[in-house]
Amino acid sequence: MASTPADNTGTAAPPPPYPARRRNGAGTAALVVGVVSLVLAVLIIFSVLAIPLGIIAAILGGIGMSRASKGQADNRGHAVTGLITGLLAIVVAVAIGISFVGLITEHQSDFRKFGSCMTDSDNDTDRARCFRRLGDQLENN
C-alpha cells in the first residue's frame, strides 16, 4: 500500500495544484486566419474575402497578445504574427481593389468595345480577334 506524504500534523497533504491551462487558441487562430487572408489578398478574385478575414485575424491577434501579457498563453509570437498578417492582408486587398477599379475606369470604353465585339462574333476566330484587340488596347494605354 502506497503511503501519502504527511504534513507535521500527521494528515495527508493535498495533491499539488495543476498548473493553469494555457489558452493558446486565439493566437494560433490569428496566425492561421492571418496567413489565409494574406494569401487571398494577392489573389485578385478573392481579395474581397481577405478584408473580413484580416479583421478577424487582427482581433484574434489582439486577444492572443492580451492573454500572453497576462500569462494565460505562451504563444505571443503566433498572436503577433497573426495580427501583422491580418493587417497586411487588409492593406494589400485595399491596394489591389483600388488598382483594379482604376484599371476598369481607365479602360471602360475598351471593355465596352470588347463586349460589342463578342456580341457580334459568330465563331471562335472572331472571338479570338476580339481578345487580341482588347489585349492590344490594354497594352498600348
N, C-alpha and C. Protein backbone atom coordinates (compact mmCIF):
# COMPACT_ATOMS: atom_id res chain seq x y z
N MET A 1 0.85 -1.17 0.00
CA MET A 1 0.00 0.00 0.00
C MET A 1 0.90 1.22 0.00
N ALA A 2 0.64 2.15 -0.88
CA ALA A 2 1.47 3.35 -1.01
C ALA A 2 1.09 4.34 0.07
N SER A 3 2.10 4.95 0.62
CA SER A 3 1.81 5.93 1.65
C SER A 3 1.73 7.32 1.04
N THR A 4 0.93 8.16 1.63
CA THR A 4 0.80 9.54 1.17
C THR A 4 1.65 10.42 2.06
N PRO A 5 2.25 11.45 1.50
CA PRO A 5 3.07 12.33 2.33
C PRO A 5 2.22 13.01 3.39
N ALA A 6 2.77 13.10 4.56
CA ALA A 6 2.03 13.71 5.67
C ALA A 6 2.68 15.04 6.03
N ASP A 7 1.88 15.96 6.47
CA ASP A 7 2.42 17.23 6.98
C ASP A 7 2.78 17.04 8.46
N ASN A 8 3.13 18.09 9.12
CA ASN A 8 3.57 18.00 10.50
C ASN A 8 2.48 17.51 11.45
N THR A 9 1.23 17.63 11.04
CA THR A 9 0.14 17.21 11.93
C THR A 9 -0.19 15.74 11.74
N GLY A 10 0.42 15.08 10.80
CA GLY A 10 0.16 13.68 10.58
C GLY A 10 -0.95 13.41 9.57
N THR A 11 -1.57 14.45 9.00
CA THR A 11 -2.61 14.25 8.00
C THR A 11 -1.99 14.28 6.61
N ALA A 12 -2.65 13.67 5.67
CA ALA A 12 -2.15 13.62 4.30
C ALA A 12 -2.18 15.01 3.66
N ALA A 13 -1.13 15.36 2.95
CA ALA A 13 -1.05 16.66 2.28
C ALA A 13 -1.90 16.63 1.01
N PRO A 14 -2.53 17.73 0.66
CA PRO A 14 -3.33 17.75 -0.58
C PRO A 14 -2.40 17.64 -1.79
N PRO A 15 -2.93 17.11 -2.87
CA PRO A 15 -2.08 16.99 -4.07
C PRO A 15 -1.69 18.38 -4.57
N PRO A 16 -0.56 18.48 -5.26
CA PRO A 16 -0.15 19.79 -5.76
C PRO A 16 -1.16 20.31 -6.78
N PRO A 17 -1.36 21.62 -6.83
CA PRO A 17 -2.34 22.15 -7.79
C PRO A 17 -1.84 21.97 -9.22
N TYR A 18 -2.78 21.76 -10.10
CA TYR A 18 -2.43 21.64 -11.50
C TYR A 18 -2.05 23.01 -12.03
N PRO A 19 -1.07 23.07 -12.92
CA PRO A 19 -0.73 24.38 -13.49
C PRO A 19 -1.90 24.90 -14.33
N ALA A 20 -2.03 26.21 -14.39
CA ALA A 20 -3.13 26.81 -15.16
C ALA A 20 -2.98 26.40 -16.62
N ARG A 21 -4.07 26.03 -17.20
CA ARG A 21 -4.06 25.60 -18.59
C ARG A 21 -3.86 26.81 -19.48
N ARG A 22 -2.96 26.70 -20.44
CA ARG A 22 -2.66 27.80 -21.35
C ARG A 22 -3.79 27.95 -22.37
N ARG A 23 -4.16 29.18 -22.63
CA ARG A 23 -5.23 29.48 -23.58
C ARG A 23 -4.60 30.01 -24.86
N ASN A 24 -4.07 29.13 -25.67
CA ASN A 24 -3.32 29.50 -26.87
C ASN A 24 -4.18 29.53 -28.13
N GLY A 25 -5.45 29.27 -28.02
CA GLY A 25 -6.30 29.16 -29.21
C GLY A 25 -6.40 30.44 -30.01
N ALA A 26 -6.52 31.58 -29.36
CA ALA A 26 -6.69 32.84 -30.09
C ALA A 26 -5.43 33.19 -30.89
N GLY A 27 -4.26 32.99 -30.31
CA GLY A 27 -3.03 33.28 -31.02
C GLY A 27 -2.82 32.38 -32.22
N THR A 28 -3.09 31.10 -32.03
CA THR A 28 -2.94 30.15 -33.13
C THR A 28 -3.96 30.43 -34.23
N ALA A 29 -5.19 30.71 -33.85
CA ALA A 29 -6.23 31.03 -34.84
C ALA A 29 -5.88 32.31 -35.58
N ALA A 30 -5.33 33.29 -34.88
CA ALA A 30 -4.92 34.53 -35.53
C ALA A 30 -3.86 34.26 -36.59
N LEU A 31 -2.91 33.41 -36.26
CA LEU A 31 -1.85 33.08 -37.22
C LEU A 31 -2.43 32.40 -38.46
N VAL A 32 -3.27 31.41 -38.27
CA VAL A 32 -3.85 30.68 -39.40
C VAL A 32 -4.72 31.59 -40.25
N VAL A 33 -5.63 32.33 -39.62
CA VAL A 33 -6.53 33.21 -40.37
C VAL A 33 -5.76 34.33 -41.04
N GLY A 34 -4.73 34.84 -40.38
CA GLY A 34 -3.91 35.91 -40.97
C GLY A 34 -3.18 35.46 -42.21
N VAL A 35 -2.59 34.27 -42.17
CA VAL A 35 -1.88 33.75 -43.34
C VAL A 35 -2.86 33.47 -44.48
N VAL A 36 -4.00 32.88 -44.17
CA VAL A 36 -5.00 32.62 -45.21
C VAL A 36 -5.48 33.93 -45.83
N SER A 37 -5.74 34.93 -45.01
CA SER A 37 -6.22 36.21 -45.55
C SER A 37 -5.15 36.88 -46.41
N LEU A 38 -3.88 36.74 -46.04
CA LEU A 38 -2.81 37.32 -46.85
C LEU A 38 -2.70 36.63 -48.20
N VAL A 39 -2.84 35.32 -48.21
CA VAL A 39 -2.82 34.58 -49.48
C VAL A 39 -4.01 34.99 -50.35
N LEU A 40 -5.18 35.10 -49.75
CA LEU A 40 -6.36 35.50 -50.52
C LEU A 40 -6.26 36.94 -51.02
N ALA A 41 -5.54 37.78 -50.28
CA ALA A 41 -5.42 39.18 -50.67
C ALA A 41 -4.69 39.34 -52.01
N VAL A 42 -3.72 38.49 -52.27
CA VAL A 42 -2.97 38.62 -53.52
C VAL A 42 -3.67 37.96 -54.69
N LEU A 43 -4.67 37.16 -54.43
CA LEU A 43 -5.48 36.57 -55.50
C LEU A 43 -6.61 37.54 -55.80
N ILE A 44 -6.56 38.16 -56.94
CA ILE A 44 -7.47 39.27 -57.27
C ILE A 44 -8.93 38.89 -57.06
N ILE A 45 -9.30 37.71 -57.47
CA ILE A 45 -10.70 37.30 -57.37
C ILE A 45 -11.14 37.20 -55.90
N PHE A 46 -10.25 36.75 -55.02
CA PHE A 46 -10.61 36.52 -53.63
C PHE A 46 -10.17 37.64 -52.69
N SER A 47 -9.65 38.73 -53.23
CA SER A 47 -9.13 39.79 -52.35
C SER A 47 -10.24 40.42 -51.50
N VAL A 48 -11.47 40.36 -51.96
CA VAL A 48 -12.57 40.89 -51.16
C VAL A 48 -12.75 40.08 -49.87
N LEU A 49 -12.50 38.78 -49.93
CA LEU A 49 -12.61 37.93 -48.73
C LEU A 49 -11.49 38.21 -47.73
N ALA A 50 -10.38 38.74 -48.22
CA ALA A 50 -9.23 38.98 -47.35
C ALA A 50 -9.52 40.07 -46.32
N ILE A 51 -10.36 41.01 -46.64
CA ILE A 51 -10.62 42.12 -45.72
C ILE A 51 -11.32 41.64 -44.44
N PRO A 52 -12.45 40.93 -44.51
CA PRO A 52 -13.05 40.47 -43.25
C PRO A 52 -12.18 39.46 -42.52
N LEU A 53 -11.48 38.59 -43.27
CA LEU A 53 -10.60 37.64 -42.60
C LEU A 53 -9.42 38.35 -41.94
N GLY A 54 -8.92 39.41 -42.58
CA GLY A 54 -7.84 40.18 -41.97
C GLY A 54 -8.30 40.86 -40.69
N ILE A 55 -9.52 41.36 -40.68
CA ILE A 55 -10.07 41.97 -39.46
C ILE A 55 -10.19 40.93 -38.35
N ILE A 56 -10.68 39.74 -38.70
CA ILE A 56 -10.81 38.67 -37.71
C ILE A 56 -9.43 38.29 -37.17
N ALA A 57 -8.44 38.18 -38.05
CA ALA A 57 -7.08 37.83 -37.61
C ALA A 57 -6.52 38.89 -36.68
N ALA A 58 -6.77 40.15 -36.99
CA ALA A 58 -6.27 41.24 -36.14
C ALA A 58 -6.92 41.20 -34.76
N ILE A 59 -8.21 40.95 -34.73
CA ILE A 59 -8.92 40.86 -33.44
C ILE A 59 -8.41 39.68 -32.63
N LEU A 60 -8.29 38.51 -33.27
CA LEU A 60 -7.79 37.34 -32.56
C LEU A 60 -6.34 37.55 -32.11
N GLY A 61 -5.55 38.22 -32.93
CA GLY A 61 -4.17 38.52 -32.55
C GLY A 61 -4.12 39.41 -31.32
N GLY A 62 -4.99 40.41 -31.27
CA GLY A 62 -5.06 41.28 -30.09
C GLY A 62 -5.46 40.51 -28.85
N ILE A 63 -6.43 39.62 -28.99
CA ILE A 63 -6.86 38.79 -27.85
C ILE A 63 -5.71 37.89 -27.41
N GLY A 64 -5.04 37.27 -28.36
CA GLY A 64 -3.92 36.39 -28.03
C GLY A 64 -2.78 37.13 -27.36
N MET A 65 -2.48 38.34 -27.82
CA MET A 65 -1.42 39.14 -27.20
C MET A 65 -1.81 39.53 -25.77
N SER A 66 -3.08 39.86 -25.59
CA SER A 66 -3.56 40.21 -24.25
C SER A 66 -3.43 39.02 -23.30
N ARG A 67 -3.80 37.85 -23.76
CA ARG A 67 -3.69 36.65 -22.93
C ARG A 67 -2.22 36.35 -22.61
N ALA A 68 -1.35 36.54 -23.59
CA ALA A 68 0.08 36.29 -23.37
C ALA A 68 0.64 37.29 -22.36
N SER A 69 0.19 38.53 -22.42
CA SER A 69 0.67 39.54 -21.47
C SER A 69 0.24 39.22 -20.04
N LYS A 70 -0.93 38.59 -19.91
CA LYS A 70 -1.44 38.23 -18.58
C LYS A 70 -0.88 36.90 -18.09
N GLY A 71 -0.10 36.24 -18.92
CA GLY A 71 0.45 34.94 -18.54
C GLY A 71 -0.50 33.79 -18.76
N GLN A 72 -1.60 34.02 -19.45
CA GLN A 72 -2.58 32.96 -19.69
C GLN A 72 -2.24 32.15 -20.94
N ALA A 73 -1.35 32.66 -21.77
CA ALA A 73 -0.95 31.98 -23.01
C ALA A 73 0.55 32.13 -23.17
N ASP A 74 1.14 31.21 -23.92
CA ASP A 74 2.58 31.29 -24.12
C ASP A 74 2.95 31.33 -25.61
N ASN A 75 2.02 31.73 -26.45
CA ASN A 75 2.31 31.81 -27.87
C ASN A 75 2.15 33.24 -28.39
N ARG A 76 2.80 34.17 -27.73
CA ARG A 76 2.73 35.57 -28.12
C ARG A 76 3.19 35.76 -29.57
N GLY A 77 4.19 35.01 -29.99
CA GLY A 77 4.68 35.13 -31.37
C GLY A 77 3.62 34.81 -32.40
N HIS A 78 2.83 33.78 -32.13
CA HIS A 78 1.73 33.45 -33.05
C HIS A 78 0.73 34.59 -33.12
N ALA A 79 0.39 35.13 -31.97
CA ALA A 79 -0.59 36.22 -31.92
C ALA A 79 -0.09 37.45 -32.65
N VAL A 80 1.18 37.81 -32.44
CA VAL A 80 1.74 38.99 -33.11
C VAL A 80 1.79 38.77 -34.62
N THR A 81 2.22 37.58 -35.03
CA THR A 81 2.28 37.27 -36.46
C THR A 81 0.89 37.29 -37.08
N GLY A 82 -0.10 36.76 -36.38
CA GLY A 82 -1.48 36.80 -36.88
C GLY A 82 -1.99 38.21 -37.01
N LEU A 83 -1.68 39.05 -36.03
CA LEU A 83 -2.09 40.46 -36.09
C LEU A 83 -1.44 41.15 -37.29
N ILE A 84 -0.15 40.96 -37.47
CA ILE A 84 0.57 41.62 -38.57
C ILE A 84 0.09 41.12 -39.92
N THR A 85 -0.05 39.81 -40.09
CA THR A 85 -0.50 39.29 -41.39
C THR A 85 -1.94 39.71 -41.68
N GLY A 86 -2.78 39.78 -40.66
CA GLY A 86 -4.16 40.24 -40.87
C GLY A 86 -4.20 41.69 -41.33
N LEU A 87 -3.43 42.55 -40.67
CA LEU A 87 -3.40 43.97 -41.08
C LEU A 87 -2.77 44.13 -42.46
N LEU A 88 -1.72 43.37 -42.73
CA LEU A 88 -1.08 43.43 -44.04
C LEU A 88 -2.04 42.97 -45.14
N ALA A 89 -2.82 41.94 -44.86
CA ALA A 89 -3.80 41.44 -45.83
C ALA A 89 -4.84 42.51 -46.15
N ILE A 90 -5.26 43.26 -45.13
CA ILE A 90 -6.23 44.34 -45.37
C ILE A 90 -5.62 45.40 -46.28
N VAL A 91 -4.38 45.79 -46.00
CA VAL A 91 -3.72 46.82 -46.80
C VAL A 91 -3.54 46.35 -48.24
N VAL A 92 -3.08 45.11 -48.42
CA VAL A 92 -2.86 44.58 -49.77
C VAL A 92 -4.18 44.47 -50.53
N ALA A 93 -5.23 43.97 -49.87
CA ALA A 93 -6.53 43.82 -50.53
C ALA A 93 -7.09 45.17 -50.95
N VAL A 94 -6.96 46.17 -50.10
CA VAL A 94 -7.47 47.51 -50.45
C VAL A 94 -6.65 48.09 -51.60
N ALA A 95 -5.34 47.93 -51.58
CA ALA A 95 -4.49 48.45 -52.66
C ALA A 95 -4.82 47.77 -53.99
N ILE A 96 -4.99 46.46 -53.97
CA ILE A 96 -5.34 45.74 -55.20
C ILE A 96 -6.73 46.16 -55.67
N GLY A 97 -7.66 46.33 -54.75
CA GLY A 97 -9.00 46.77 -55.13
C GLY A 97 -9.00 48.14 -55.77
N ILE A 98 -8.23 49.07 -55.21
CA ILE A 98 -8.14 50.41 -55.79
C ILE A 98 -7.51 50.35 -57.17
N SER A 99 -6.46 49.55 -57.31
CA SER A 99 -5.80 49.41 -58.62
C SER A 99 -6.75 48.80 -59.64
N PHE A 100 -7.51 47.80 -59.22
CA PHE A 100 -8.44 47.15 -60.13
C PHE A 100 -9.53 48.10 -60.58
N VAL A 101 -10.08 48.86 -59.65
CA VAL A 101 -11.11 49.85 -60.00
C VAL A 101 -10.53 50.91 -60.93
N GLY A 102 -9.29 51.33 -60.68
CA GLY A 102 -8.63 52.30 -61.56
C GLY A 102 -8.46 51.75 -62.97
N LEU A 103 -8.07 50.48 -63.08
CA LEU A 103 -7.91 49.85 -64.39
C LEU A 103 -9.23 49.81 -65.14
N ILE A 104 -10.28 49.40 -64.45
CA ILE A 104 -11.60 49.31 -65.09
C ILE A 104 -12.07 50.70 -65.53
N THR A 105 -11.88 51.69 -64.68
CA THR A 105 -12.32 53.05 -65.00
C THR A 105 -11.55 53.60 -66.19
N GLU A 106 -10.24 53.37 -66.19
CA GLU A 106 -9.39 53.91 -67.27
C GLU A 106 -9.70 53.27 -68.62
N HIS A 107 -10.06 51.99 -68.62
CA HIS A 107 -10.28 51.27 -69.88
C HIS A 107 -11.75 50.92 -70.08
N GLN A 108 -12.64 51.74 -69.56
CA GLN A 108 -14.06 51.46 -69.65
C GLN A 108 -14.52 51.35 -71.11
N SER A 109 -14.08 52.26 -71.94
CA SER A 109 -14.50 52.23 -73.35
C SER A 109 -13.92 51.01 -74.07
N ASP A 110 -12.71 50.60 -73.70
CA ASP A 110 -12.12 49.40 -74.32
C ASP A 110 -12.93 48.16 -73.97
N PHE A 111 -13.40 48.07 -72.74
CA PHE A 111 -14.21 46.93 -72.34
C PHE A 111 -15.58 46.95 -73.01
N ARG A 112 -16.13 48.15 -73.23
CA ARG A 112 -17.40 48.25 -73.96
C ARG A 112 -17.24 47.75 -75.40
N LYS A 113 -16.14 48.18 -76.04
CA LYS A 113 -15.87 47.73 -77.41
C LYS A 113 -15.68 46.22 -77.46
N PHE A 114 -15.00 45.70 -76.45
CA PHE A 114 -14.79 44.26 -76.38
C PHE A 114 -16.13 43.53 -76.25
N GLY A 115 -17.02 44.03 -75.40
CA GLY A 115 -18.34 43.42 -75.24
C GLY A 115 -19.14 43.44 -76.53
N SER A 116 -19.09 44.55 -77.24
CA SER A 116 -19.80 44.65 -78.52
C SER A 116 -19.20 43.68 -79.54
N CYS A 117 -17.88 43.61 -79.54
CA CYS A 117 -17.19 42.70 -80.47
C CYS A 117 -17.59 41.25 -80.20
N MET A 118 -17.63 40.87 -78.91
CA MET A 118 -18.00 39.49 -78.56
C MET A 118 -19.45 39.21 -78.93
N THR A 119 -20.32 40.20 -78.75
CA THR A 119 -21.73 40.01 -79.09
C THR A 119 -21.91 39.81 -80.59
N ASP A 120 -21.11 40.54 -81.38
CA ASP A 120 -21.22 40.45 -82.83
C ASP A 120 -20.48 39.25 -83.42
N SER A 121 -19.68 38.57 -82.63
CA SER A 121 -18.89 37.45 -83.14
C SER A 121 -19.76 36.22 -83.33
N ASP A 122 -19.50 35.54 -84.45
CA ASP A 122 -20.26 34.34 -84.77
C ASP A 122 -19.47 33.06 -84.55
N ASN A 123 -18.15 33.15 -84.49
CA ASN A 123 -17.35 31.94 -84.36
C ASN A 123 -16.13 32.21 -83.47
N ASP A 124 -15.36 31.14 -83.23
CA ASP A 124 -14.21 31.24 -82.34
C ASP A 124 -13.12 32.13 -82.91
N THR A 125 -12.98 32.18 -84.20
CA THR A 125 -11.95 33.02 -84.81
C THR A 125 -12.25 34.49 -84.55
N ASP A 126 -13.51 34.87 -84.69
CA ASP A 126 -13.89 36.26 -84.42
C ASP A 126 -13.71 36.60 -82.93
N ARG A 127 -14.05 35.65 -82.05
CA ARG A 127 -13.87 35.89 -80.61
C ARG A 127 -12.40 36.03 -80.24
N ALA A 128 -11.56 35.22 -80.88
CA ALA A 128 -10.11 35.33 -80.62
C ALA A 128 -9.61 36.69 -81.08
N ARG A 129 -10.13 37.19 -82.19
CA ARG A 129 -9.75 38.52 -82.68
C ARG A 129 -10.16 39.60 -81.67
N CYS A 130 -11.33 39.43 -81.06
CA CYS A 130 -11.79 40.38 -80.03
C CYS A 130 -10.84 40.39 -78.83
N PHE A 131 -10.40 39.21 -78.39
CA PHE A 131 -9.46 39.12 -77.27
C PHE A 131 -8.12 39.76 -77.62
N ARG A 132 -7.64 39.51 -78.84
CA ARG A 132 -6.36 40.12 -79.25
C ARG A 132 -6.47 41.63 -79.30
N ARG A 133 -7.58 42.14 -79.81
CA ARG A 133 -7.77 43.58 -79.89
C ARG A 133 -7.83 44.20 -78.49
N LEU A 134 -8.55 43.55 -77.57
CA LEU A 134 -8.60 44.06 -76.19
C LEU A 134 -7.21 44.05 -75.56
N GLY A 135 -6.46 42.96 -75.77
CA GLY A 135 -5.11 42.90 -75.23
C GLY A 135 -4.23 43.99 -75.78
N ASP A 136 -4.33 44.26 -77.07
CA ASP A 136 -3.54 45.35 -77.68
C ASP A 136 -3.92 46.70 -77.09
N GLN A 137 -5.21 46.93 -76.90
CA GLN A 137 -5.65 48.21 -76.36
C GLN A 137 -5.20 48.38 -74.91
N LEU A 138 -5.22 47.32 -74.13
CA LEU A 138 -4.77 47.42 -72.73
C LEU A 138 -3.26 47.64 -72.65
N GLU A 139 -2.51 47.02 -73.55
CA GLU A 139 -1.06 47.20 -73.54
C GLU A 139 -0.64 48.59 -73.99
N ASN A 140 -1.36 49.16 -74.96
CA ASN A 140 -0.98 50.45 -75.52
C ASN A 140 -1.32 51.61 -74.59
N ASN A 141 -2.23 51.43 -73.69
CA ASN A 141 -2.61 52.52 -72.80
C ASN A 141 -1.97 52.39 -71.50
